[in-house]
Protein backbone atom coordinates (compact mmCIF):
# COMPACT_ATOMS: atom_id res chain seq x y z
CA UNK A 1 83.70 153.35 32.75
CA UNK A 2 83.49 152.26 36.37
CA UNK A 3 81.01 149.77 35.15
CA UNK A 4 83.70 148.43 32.15
CA UNK A 5 86.32 147.79 35.43
CA UNK A 6 85.35 144.70 36.82
CA UNK A 7 84.74 142.79 33.78
CA UNK A 8 88.16 144.01 32.62
CA UNK A 9 90.05 142.98 35.49
CA UNK A 10 88.70 139.38 35.20
CA UNK A 11 89.68 139.31 31.78
CA UNK A 12 93.21 140.30 32.46
CA UNK A 13 93.43 137.90 35.70
CA UNK A 14 91.76 135.18 33.43
CA UNK A 15 94.67 135.50 30.97
CA UNK A 16 97.23 135.99 33.36
CA UNK A 17 96.02 132.74 35.03
CA UNK A 18 96.30 130.55 31.94
CA UNK A 19 99.63 132.35 30.98
CA UNK A 20 101.30 130.90 34.14
CA UNK A 21 99.70 127.83 34.10
CA UNK A 22 101.31 127.64 30.56
CA UNK A 23 104.64 128.43 32.12
CA UNK A 24 104.54 125.94 34.84
CA UNK A 25 103.53 123.07 32.20
CA UNK A 26 106.77 123.97 30.92
CA UNK A 27 108.62 123.95 34.47
CA UNK A 28 107.47 120.47 35.11
CA UNK A 29 107.89 119.12 31.93
CA UNK A 30 111.50 117.56 32.19
CA UNK A 31 110.09 115.73 35.16
CA UNK A 32 108.29 113.53 32.94
CA UNK A 33 109.78 110.84 30.57
CA UNK A 34 110.55 112.07 27.10
CA UNK A 35 111.70 110.72 24.00
CA UNK A 36 115.30 109.58 23.61
CA UNK A 37 117.00 111.44 21.34
CA UNK A 38 118.80 110.71 17.99
CA UNK A 39 122.06 111.82 16.18
CA UNK A 40 122.25 113.73 12.75
CA UNK A 41 124.24 111.41 10.46
CA UNK A 42 126.63 113.06 8.08
CA UNK A 43 129.04 111.41 5.54
CA UNK A 44 133.03 112.53 5.82
CA UNK A 45 132.11 115.55 3.47
CA UNK A 46 129.96 117.02 6.33
CA UNK A 47 126.68 116.14 3.81
CA UNK A 48 123.31 115.17 6.02
CA UNK A 49 122.59 111.28 5.59
CA UNK A 50 119.16 110.10 5.56
CA UNK A 51 119.93 107.71 7.97
CA UNK A 52 122.58 105.22 9.58
CA UNK A 53 124.46 102.74 7.21
CA UNK A 54 122.65 99.37 8.23
CA UNK A 55 125.61 97.34 9.19
CA UNK A 56 127.08 99.67 11.85
CA UNK A 57 127.42 97.89 15.20
CA UNK A 58 127.46 94.12 13.36
CA UNK A 59 130.87 93.44 13.89
CA UNK A 60 130.31 91.35 17.30
CA UNK A 61 133.89 91.33 18.09
CA UNK A 62 134.26 95.09 18.24
CA UNK A 63 130.48 96.48 18.48
CA UNK A 64 131.79 100.16 19.74
CA UNK A 65 134.50 101.71 21.56
CA UNK A 66 134.23 104.39 23.88
CA UNK A 67 136.80 107.15 24.28
CA UNK A 68 136.08 109.99 26.70
CA UNK A 69 132.95 111.67 24.62
CA UNK A 70 133.46 109.78 21.41
CA UNK A 71 131.98 106.46 20.43
CA UNK A 72 133.53 104.60 17.47
CA UNK A 73 131.43 101.98 15.87
CA UNK A 74 132.70 99.85 13.03
CA UNK A 75 130.14 99.38 9.93
CA UNK A 76 131.34 96.00 7.49
CA UNK A 77 130.59 96.41 3.73
CA UNK A 78 126.84 96.37 2.93
CA UNK A 79 124.92 97.37 -0.03
CA UNK A 80 124.50 100.96 1.28
CA UNK A 81 128.13 101.45 1.80
CA UNK A 82 130.21 98.85 -0.23
CA UNK A 83 133.35 99.35 1.08
CA UNK A 84 132.43 99.75 4.99
CA UNK A 85 133.93 102.48 7.15
CA UNK A 86 134.34 103.64 10.73
CA UNK A 87 131.56 105.81 12.27
CA UNK A 88 132.21 108.68 14.88
CA UNK A 89 129.02 109.17 17.26
CA UNK A 90 129.48 112.01 19.62
CA UNK A 91 126.12 112.16 21.50
CA UNK A 92 127.51 115.83 23.19
CA UNK A 93 127.02 117.05 20.09
CA UNK A 94 124.27 115.36 18.55
CA UNK A 95 126.08 114.24 15.77
CA UNK A 96 127.51 110.73 14.12
CA UNK A 97 129.95 111.18 11.42
CA UNK A 98 131.31 108.36 8.85
CA UNK A 99 135.15 108.73 8.63
CA UNK A 100 136.11 108.26 4.48
CA UNK A 101 134.79 104.97 3.28
CA UNK A 102 137.19 102.04 3.37
CA UNK A 103 138.23 101.52 -0.62
CA UNK A 104 136.20 98.58 -1.95
CA UNK A 105 139.20 96.60 -3.02
CA UNK A 106 139.95 96.37 0.79
CA UNK A 107 136.33 96.12 2.08
CA UNK A 108 135.96 95.65 5.84
CA UNK A 109 134.49 92.44 7.11
CA UNK A 110 135.93 92.22 10.76
CA UNK A 111 137.72 94.15 13.21
CA UNK A 112 140.76 91.78 14.49
CA UNK A 113 142.66 94.41 16.32
CA UNK A 114 141.95 97.64 18.02
CA UNK A 115 143.81 99.94 20.56
CA UNK A 116 143.88 103.33 21.46
CA UNK A 117 146.77 105.44 21.91
CA UNK A 118 147.57 108.91 23.01
CA UNK A 119 146.11 111.97 22.14
CA UNK A 120 142.55 110.61 20.95
CA UNK A 121 144.15 108.14 18.19
CA UNK A 122 142.97 104.74 18.14
CA UNK A 123 145.13 101.87 16.09
CA UNK A 124 142.68 99.58 13.71
CA UNK A 125 143.30 96.45 12.26
CA UNK A 126 140.58 94.42 10.27
CA UNK A 127 140.42 91.61 7.93
CA UNK A 128 139.08 92.30 4.33
CA UNK A 129 138.48 90.09 1.10
CA UNK A 130 139.91 91.35 -1.88
CA UNK A 131 139.86 89.74 -5.38
CA UNK A 132 142.42 87.53 -6.90
CA UNK A 133 143.15 85.60 -9.98
CA UNK A 134 143.62 82.31 -7.80
CA UNK A 135 141.23 79.56 -7.74
CA UNK A 136 137.86 80.98 -5.94
CA UNK A 137 138.77 84.62 -6.83
CA UNK A 138 138.61 85.90 -3.31
CA UNK A 139 141.38 85.79 -0.49
CA UNK A 140 141.35 87.34 2.95
CA UNK A 141 143.86 90.04 4.07
CA UNK A 142 144.71 92.45 6.78
CA UNK A 143 144.59 95.86 6.79
CA UNK A 144 145.50 98.79 8.99
CA UNK A 145 144.75 102.26 9.92
CA UNK A 146 145.21 105.17 12.56
CA UNK A 147 142.53 107.41 12.96
CA UNK A 148 141.24 110.18 15.23
CA UNK A 149 138.25 112.48 15.20
CA UNK A 150 139.71 114.55 12.89
CA UNK A 151 139.11 111.34 10.37
CA UNK A 152 142.17 109.02 8.99
CA UNK A 153 145.76 109.85 10.29
CA UNK A 154 146.82 106.97 8.32
CA UNK A 155 144.35 105.79 5.88
CA UNK A 156 143.73 101.87 4.97
CA UNK A 157 146.46 100.24 4.01
CA UNK A 158 147.04 96.65 2.95
CA UNK A 159 149.77 94.75 5.24
CA UNK A 160 152.41 92.58 4.13
CA UNK A 161 152.11 88.78 4.60
CA UNK A 162 149.68 87.66 2.14
CA UNK A 163 146.31 85.70 2.20
CA UNK A 164 146.23 84.03 5.52
CA UNK A 165 148.27 86.56 7.42
CA UNK A 166 147.52 85.93 11.28
CA UNK A 167 147.43 88.82 13.43
CA UNK A 168 149.68 88.74 16.45
CA UNK A 169 149.37 91.87 18.50
CA UNK A 170 149.08 95.90 18.06
CA UNK A 171 151.21 98.36 19.98
CA UNK A 172 152.50 101.90 20.11
CA UNK A 173 155.97 103.35 19.66
CA UNK A 174 154.85 107.15 20.62
CA UNK A 175 152.38 108.45 17.98
CA UNK A 176 153.03 105.48 15.43
CA UNK A 177 151.23 102.36 15.19
CA UNK A 178 153.07 99.16 15.22
CA UNK A 179 151.53 95.62 13.86
CA UNK A 180 153.02 92.27 14.55
CA UNK A 181 151.72 89.43 12.10
CA UNK A 182 152.36 86.17 11.07
CA UNK A 183 152.52 85.86 7.29
CA UNK A 184 151.25 82.64 5.81
CA UNK A 185 153.70 81.18 2.82
CA UNK A 186 153.60 78.02 0.64
CA UNK A 187 151.42 75.48 2.24
CA UNK A 188 151.34 77.14 5.78
CA UNK A 189 148.15 78.06 5.29
CA UNK A 190 147.28 79.15 9.28
CA UNK A 191 151.04 80.67 9.46
CA UNK A 192 151.70 78.77 12.33
CA UNK A 193 155.59 78.04 11.13
CA UNK A 194 155.60 81.77 9.99
CA UNK A 195 158.47 84.48 11.23
CA UNK A 196 156.77 87.59 13.09
CA UNK A 197 156.45 90.40 10.81
CA UNK A 198 156.69 94.27 12.68
CA UNK A 199 154.85 97.08 10.80
CA UNK A 200 155.33 100.48 11.77
CA UNK A 201 151.57 101.65 9.93
CA UNK A 202 152.41 104.96 7.49
CA UNK A 203 156.09 104.52 7.71
CA UNK A 204 158.69 102.33 5.04
CA UNK A 205 161.13 101.80 7.72
CA UNK A 206 159.64 99.01 8.61
CA UNK A 207 158.57 95.85 8.41
CA UNK A 208 161.19 94.13 10.36
CA UNK A 209 161.34 90.46 10.17
CA UNK A 210 161.92 88.27 13.39
CA UNK A 211 162.74 84.94 12.58
CA UNK A 212 160.93 82.03 14.06
CA UNK A 213 164.31 80.44 15.08
CA UNK A 214 165.12 83.82 17.09
CA UNK A 215 161.48 83.67 18.88
CA UNK A 216 161.63 79.91 19.06
CA UNK A 217 165.27 78.87 19.72
CA UNK A 218 165.01 76.33 17.11
CA UNK A 219 162.68 74.50 18.82
CA UNK A 220 160.76 72.35 16.39
CA UNK A 221 157.30 72.08 17.94
CA UNK A 222 157.07 76.10 18.68
CA UNK A 223 154.14 77.97 17.36
CA UNK A 224 153.99 81.88 18.01
CA UNK A 225 150.39 82.72 19.17
CA UNK A 226 150.55 86.39 20.22
CA UNK A 227 152.75 89.58 20.54
CA UNK A 228 152.16 92.73 22.53
CA UNK A 229 154.70 95.79 23.30
CA UNK A 230 155.82 96.09 26.50
CA UNK A 231 155.88 99.76 27.79
CA UNK A 232 159.67 100.76 27.59
CA UNK A 233 160.45 96.84 27.00
CA UNK A 234 160.00 96.47 23.11
CA UNK A 235 157.97 93.81 21.76
CA UNK A 236 157.17 90.39 23.45
CA UNK A 237 155.99 87.19 21.98
CA UNK A 238 154.10 84.47 23.74
CA UNK A 239 154.99 81.01 22.11
CA UNK A 240 153.11 77.58 22.05
CA UNK A 241 156.35 75.42 22.95
CA UNK A 242 154.62 71.54 22.74
CA UNK A 243 152.47 71.51 26.06
CA UNK A 244 153.60 75.01 27.44
CA UNK A 245 153.32 78.46 27.23
CA UNK A 246 156.55 80.41 27.10
CA UNK A 247 157.08 84.41 26.55
CA UNK A 248 160.22 85.67 25.03
CA UNK A 249 161.61 89.21 24.27
CA UNK A 250 162.32 89.88 20.39
CA UNK A 251 165.85 88.95 21.17
CA UNK A 252 165.11 85.69 22.01
CA UNK A 253 165.63 85.73 25.57
CA UNK A 254 163.04 83.87 27.67
CA UNK A 255 160.89 86.06 30.23
CA UNK A 256 158.33 83.37 31.29
CA UNK A 257 158.17 80.04 31.29
CA UNK A 258 156.13 77.12 32.98
CA UNK A 259 152.47 78.51 32.11
CA UNK A 260 150.11 75.76 30.95
CA UNK A 261 149.03 75.95 27.37
CA UNK A 262 145.55 75.46 28.48
CA UNK A 263 145.56 79.36 29.47
CA UNK A 264 146.14 80.58 26.15
CA UNK A 265 142.34 79.09 24.66
CA UNK A 266 140.85 81.72 27.63
CA UNK A 267 143.45 84.26 27.43
CA UNK A 268 142.13 87.97 27.00
CA UNK A 269 144.96 89.74 24.75
CA UNK A 270 143.25 92.92 25.27
CA UNK A 271 146.58 94.27 26.21
CA UNK A 272 147.84 93.53 22.37
CA UNK A 273 144.70 95.20 21.30
CA UNK A 274 143.25 91.56 20.20
CA UNK A 275 139.58 91.31 20.10
CA UNK A 276 137.61 88.17 21.24
CA UNK A 277 134.04 86.98 20.63
CA UNK A 278 131.58 87.44 23.69
CA UNK A 279 130.55 84.38 23.45
CA UNK A 280 133.88 82.79 24.59
CA UNK A 281 134.05 84.45 28.05
CA UNK A 282 138.00 84.67 29.30
CA UNK A 283 139.66 82.68 32.17
CA UNK A 284 142.85 84.57 31.99
CA UNK A 285 144.02 88.04 31.08
CA UNK A 286 147.63 89.17 30.10
CA UNK A 287 148.81 92.31 31.70
CA UNK A 288 151.09 94.91 30.59
CA UNK A 289 153.75 93.93 32.68
CA UNK A 290 153.55 90.23 31.14
CA UNK A 291 152.06 88.66 33.79
CA UNK A 292 149.23 86.49 33.36
CA UNK A 293 146.31 86.89 36.10
CA UNK A 294 143.07 84.74 36.20
CA UNK A 295 139.90 86.68 35.17
CA UNK A 296 136.75 86.63 37.25
CA UNK A 297 134.19 84.15 35.96
CA UNK A 298 131.11 85.08 34.05
CA UNK A 299 127.92 85.23 36.96
CA UNK A 300 126.00 82.10 36.27
CA UNK A 301 122.36 82.31 35.05
CA UNK A 302 123.69 85.44 32.40
CA UNK A 303 124.15 84.85 28.58
CA UNK A 304 126.78 87.32 27.55
CA UNK A 305 126.34 89.65 24.68
CA UNK A 306 128.78 91.74 22.36
CA UNK A 307 130.03 94.64 24.94
CA UNK A 308 131.28 97.65 24.16
CA UNK A 309 135.10 98.74 25.32
CA UNK A 310 136.32 101.48 27.03
CA UNK A 311 139.63 103.46 26.32
CA UNK A 312 141.51 104.26 29.40
CA UNK A 313 144.69 105.95 28.25
CA UNK A 314 146.56 103.30 26.12
CA UNK A 315 144.61 100.42 27.06
CA UNK A 316 141.30 98.60 26.36
CA UNK A 317 138.84 98.05 29.33
CA UNK A 318 135.72 95.48 28.48
CA UNK A 319 132.40 96.70 29.95
CA UNK A 320 130.19 93.54 30.56
CA UNK A 321 126.89 93.50 28.95
CA UNK A 322 124.51 90.12 29.17
CA UNK A 323 121.13 88.98 29.42
CA UNK A 324 119.55 86.73 31.93
CA UNK A 325 118.36 83.25 30.83
CA UNK A 326 115.54 84.16 32.44
CA UNK A 327 113.37 87.51 32.42
CA UNK A 328 113.77 90.40 30.47
CA UNK A 329 116.18 93.32 30.22
CA UNK A 330 120.07 93.66 29.44
CA UNK A 331 122.57 93.70 32.58
CA UNK A 332 125.59 95.81 32.19
CA UNK A 333 128.39 95.74 34.38
CA UNK A 334 131.19 98.87 34.91
CA UNK A 335 133.57 99.81 37.89
CA UNK A 336 131.77 97.46 40.29
CA UNK A 337 128.48 98.80 39.38
CA UNK A 338 125.25 96.55 37.68
CA UNK A 339 122.96 98.13 35.53
CA UNK A 340 119.58 97.01 34.65
CA UNK A 341 117.65 98.35 31.20
CA UNK A 342 114.34 96.90 30.20
CA UNK A 343 111.64 97.56 27.77
CA UNK A 344 108.16 98.72 30.12
CA UNK A 345 104.71 97.53 28.88
CA UNK A 346 104.06 101.57 28.69
CA UNK A 347 106.52 101.88 26.08
CA UNK A 348 109.29 103.51 28.28
CA UNK A 349 112.85 102.48 28.77
CA UNK A 350 113.41 101.76 32.65
CA UNK A 351 116.71 102.05 34.07
CA UNK A 352 117.84 100.30 37.61
CA UNK A 353 121.01 100.61 39.35
CA UNK A 354 122.00 97.59 41.46
CA UNK A 355 119.03 96.21 44.12
CA UNK A 356 117.08 99.66 43.18
CA UNK A 357 113.83 99.11 41.28
CA UNK A 358 113.68 100.07 37.76
CA UNK A 359 112.27 103.82 37.01
CA UNK A 360 110.65 105.08 33.87
CA UNK A 361 113.62 107.52 31.97
CA UNK A 362 112.25 107.77 28.51
CA UNK A 363 109.79 106.84 26.14
CA UNK A 364 110.87 104.76 23.34
CA UNK A 365 109.21 104.44 19.79
CA UNK A 366 110.06 104.86 16.06
CA UNK A 367 113.87 104.03 15.50
CA UNK A 368 114.50 103.90 19.02
CA UNK A 369 112.21 101.27 20.35
CA UNK A 370 115.33 98.61 20.70
CA UNK A 371 117.38 101.39 22.89
CA UNK A 372 116.69 99.21 26.18
CA UNK A 373 119.01 96.63 24.78
CA UNK A 374 121.61 99.06 23.59
CA UNK A 375 125.16 99.86 24.70
CA UNK A 376 125.97 101.57 28.24
CA UNK A 377 129.07 103.54 28.38
CA UNK A 378 130.65 106.17 30.34
CA UNK A 379 130.45 109.97 29.52
CA UNK A 380 131.04 112.90 30.82
CA UNK A 381 127.84 113.70 32.40
CA UNK A 382 127.41 110.11 33.75
CA UNK A 383 126.45 107.49 31.55
CA UNK A 384 124.92 107.25 27.86
CA UNK A 385 122.94 104.36 26.56
CA UNK A 386 122.88 104.08 22.83
CA UNK A 387 122.16 102.10 19.78
CA UNK A 388 124.93 102.07 16.99
CA UNK A 389 122.03 103.91 14.76
CA UNK A 390 122.66 106.91 16.87
CA UNK A 391 119.55 106.79 19.39
CA UNK A 392 120.83 107.43 22.77
CA UNK A 393 119.59 108.63 26.55
CA UNK A 394 121.95 110.30 28.79
CA UNK A 395 122.14 109.63 32.24
CA UNK A 396 123.25 110.61 35.60
CA UNK A 397 125.51 108.49 37.86
CA UNK A 398 122.28 107.98 40.02
CA UNK A 399 120.21 106.58 36.68
CA UNK A 400 118.13 109.42 36.14
CA UNK A 401 117.33 111.17 32.71
CA UNK A 402 120.16 113.97 32.01
CA UNK A 403 119.32 115.23 28.82
CA UNK A 404 115.26 115.23 28.16
CA UNK A 405 113.78 116.74 25.47
CA UNK A 406 112.28 120.15 25.95
CA UNK A 407 108.72 120.84 24.74
CA UNK A 408 109.88 122.31 21.52
CA UNK A 409 112.10 119.58 20.70
CA UNK A 410 109.27 116.95 21.72
CA UNK A 411 106.83 118.65 19.41
CA UNK A 412 109.06 118.91 16.47
CA UNK A 413 109.51 114.96 16.95
CA UNK A 414 105.47 114.46 16.45
CA UNK A 415 105.53 116.23 12.77
CA UNK A 416 102.20 117.77 13.42
CA UNK A 417 102.03 121.37 11.68
CA UNK A 418 101.64 124.45 13.32
CA UNK A 419 102.26 122.43 17.04
CA UNK A 420 105.16 124.62 17.63
CA UNK A 421 103.55 128.10 16.83
CA UNK A 422 100.80 127.38 19.01
CA UNK A 423 102.77 126.58 21.91
CA UNK A 424 104.85 129.63 21.32
CA UNK A 425 101.68 131.75 21.36
CA UNK A 426 100.69 130.10 24.29
CA UNK A 427 103.78 131.37 26.14
CA UNK A 428 104.92 134.50 24.21
CA UNK A 429 101.06 135.68 22.98
CA UNK A 430 100.00 137.31 26.18
CA UNK A 431 103.40 139.62 27.02
CA UNK A 432 103.54 140.30 23.21
CA UNK A 433 100.19 141.87 23.35
CA UNK A 434 100.39 143.72 26.88
CA UNK A 435 103.72 145.25 26.82
CA UNK A 436 103.28 147.26 24.12
CA UNK A 437 100.40 148.94 25.88
CA UNK A 438 102.18 148.88 29.12
CA UNK A 439 105.77 150.49 27.50
CA UNK A 440 104.21 153.37 25.30
CA UNK A 441 101.52 154.04 28.03
CA UNK A 442 98.79 154.29 25.14
CA UNK A 443 96.04 155.39 25.83
CA UNK A 444 96.66 158.24 28.22
CA UNK A 445 93.95 157.63 29.96
CA UNK A 446 94.20 154.88 32.57
CA UNK A 447 90.79 153.94 32.71
CA UNK A 448 90.97 153.08 28.66
CA UNK A 449 94.53 151.89 29.26
CA UNK A 450 92.83 149.22 31.15
CA UNK A 451 89.92 148.52 28.75
CA UNK A 452 92.38 148.50 25.69
CA UNK A 453 94.20 145.72 28.04
CA UNK A 454 91.21 143.62 28.65
CA UNK A 455 90.38 143.68 24.76
CA UNK A 456 94.02 142.43 23.87
CA UNK A 457 93.63 139.90 26.99
CA UNK A 458 90.21 138.61 25.83
CA UNK A 459 91.90 138.28 22.17
CA UNK A 460 94.55 136.21 23.72
CA UNK A 461 91.84 133.61 25.50
CA UNK A 462 90.15 133.19 22.82
CA UNK A 463 92.79 132.31 20.53
CA UNK A 464 94.50 130.46 23.30
CA UNK A 465 91.70 128.35 24.82
CA UNK A 466 91.16 126.08 21.36
CA UNK A 467 94.97 125.39 21.65
CA UNK A 468 94.90 123.53 24.72
CA UNK A 469 92.50 120.52 24.20
CA UNK A 470 94.66 120.36 20.87
CA UNK A 471 98.09 120.42 22.31
CA UNK A 472 97.65 118.36 25.21
CA UNK A 473 97.01 114.84 23.34
CA UNK A 474 100.62 115.48 21.23
CA UNK A 475 102.35 116.16 24.90
CA UNK A 476 100.97 113.42 26.69
């Protein structure tokens, strides 16, 4: 038996070295760039969907809204979603879910108003096309709804005012959404000489009509351009009065006078839930107290892109997103920080903050190839870069990967048969073979027990060594 002692120990040592090498590789794996994660899509009933609806995120006024760890994405009407819908993306749960689809008779075309409320509520006003017996057969109307992560709190309902009604603004009265709109009547197809109608969504007590005379004080050239609900002060209206811009209360009392009418064209009305195209930069912004302040001009050499909004309480805060006129990548600006994302020549997602060089944080392939031009939004872990289709990468506050794929997740993405059992055998095969021998202390004789362990270790080596050259290309 003394002759078998040396090769027995050698076999056990070699098997243990291979096992520790496999464990070390697993421990070091998260330090290397891994693939992006993908959300699992479900319908409103919780049934799995094969993929995201094709139109999600194509509304350039409202590509998405980040609210804590929830991201709201509009999905305009498309052949695979006839009425359109709203999707809720939750990267922390790895899930994307469609709220109940919009009714096809008021299908979502373009979101015009969006305002977060307390308790995770989000108020929504969108423009829809509905069939009519009038010439042309189709007219556009305004539709309002209230949603939260549980679904529709108030399902989409058509607002009064008829075709061509113009949204003035949104506001919250406690947990109830109020909408101010200017209805089009008769020949006034642009609703410029209209009264203001206040609607409390999901409540039959309103609408309440505030006449144009009450707001404009009988000024003949007055046009109501916007409305917002000031905190504890009721509704306020912005009026175009000839060559000036005035603000009045719903009682008609003047609040602000003397502003230049030129301010109106570049006025950011997010406080009223109003959205504007990214291609038209704002020159001024309306504050909750009614003051109008100048906005910072966009940096030169950058082309604005559709940008996400961030919910801070009941306010919408823009998160700037732009593309350099020269050079690759996308620039994201948030809380005085500037982040760069770009697609590397090696197929990697590269991220850098400020003047730091861009570092590879993920490998992009398949449906996530365009993630580098996605949307960067704040989350509980730091930042999340994602696309409306559900590809996402979590980043720390310093720009490092926060949610790398582990080896099992990586191999699952490769769709190679038996790759996961092969890795599990490399990691667990040796202890599974040797532990019973050690615990049962069989055979009783120590030298024979050593020989049995050596034979089991040789079985592990013979079966594991061929797996290494097969698995390594899958893990590269």
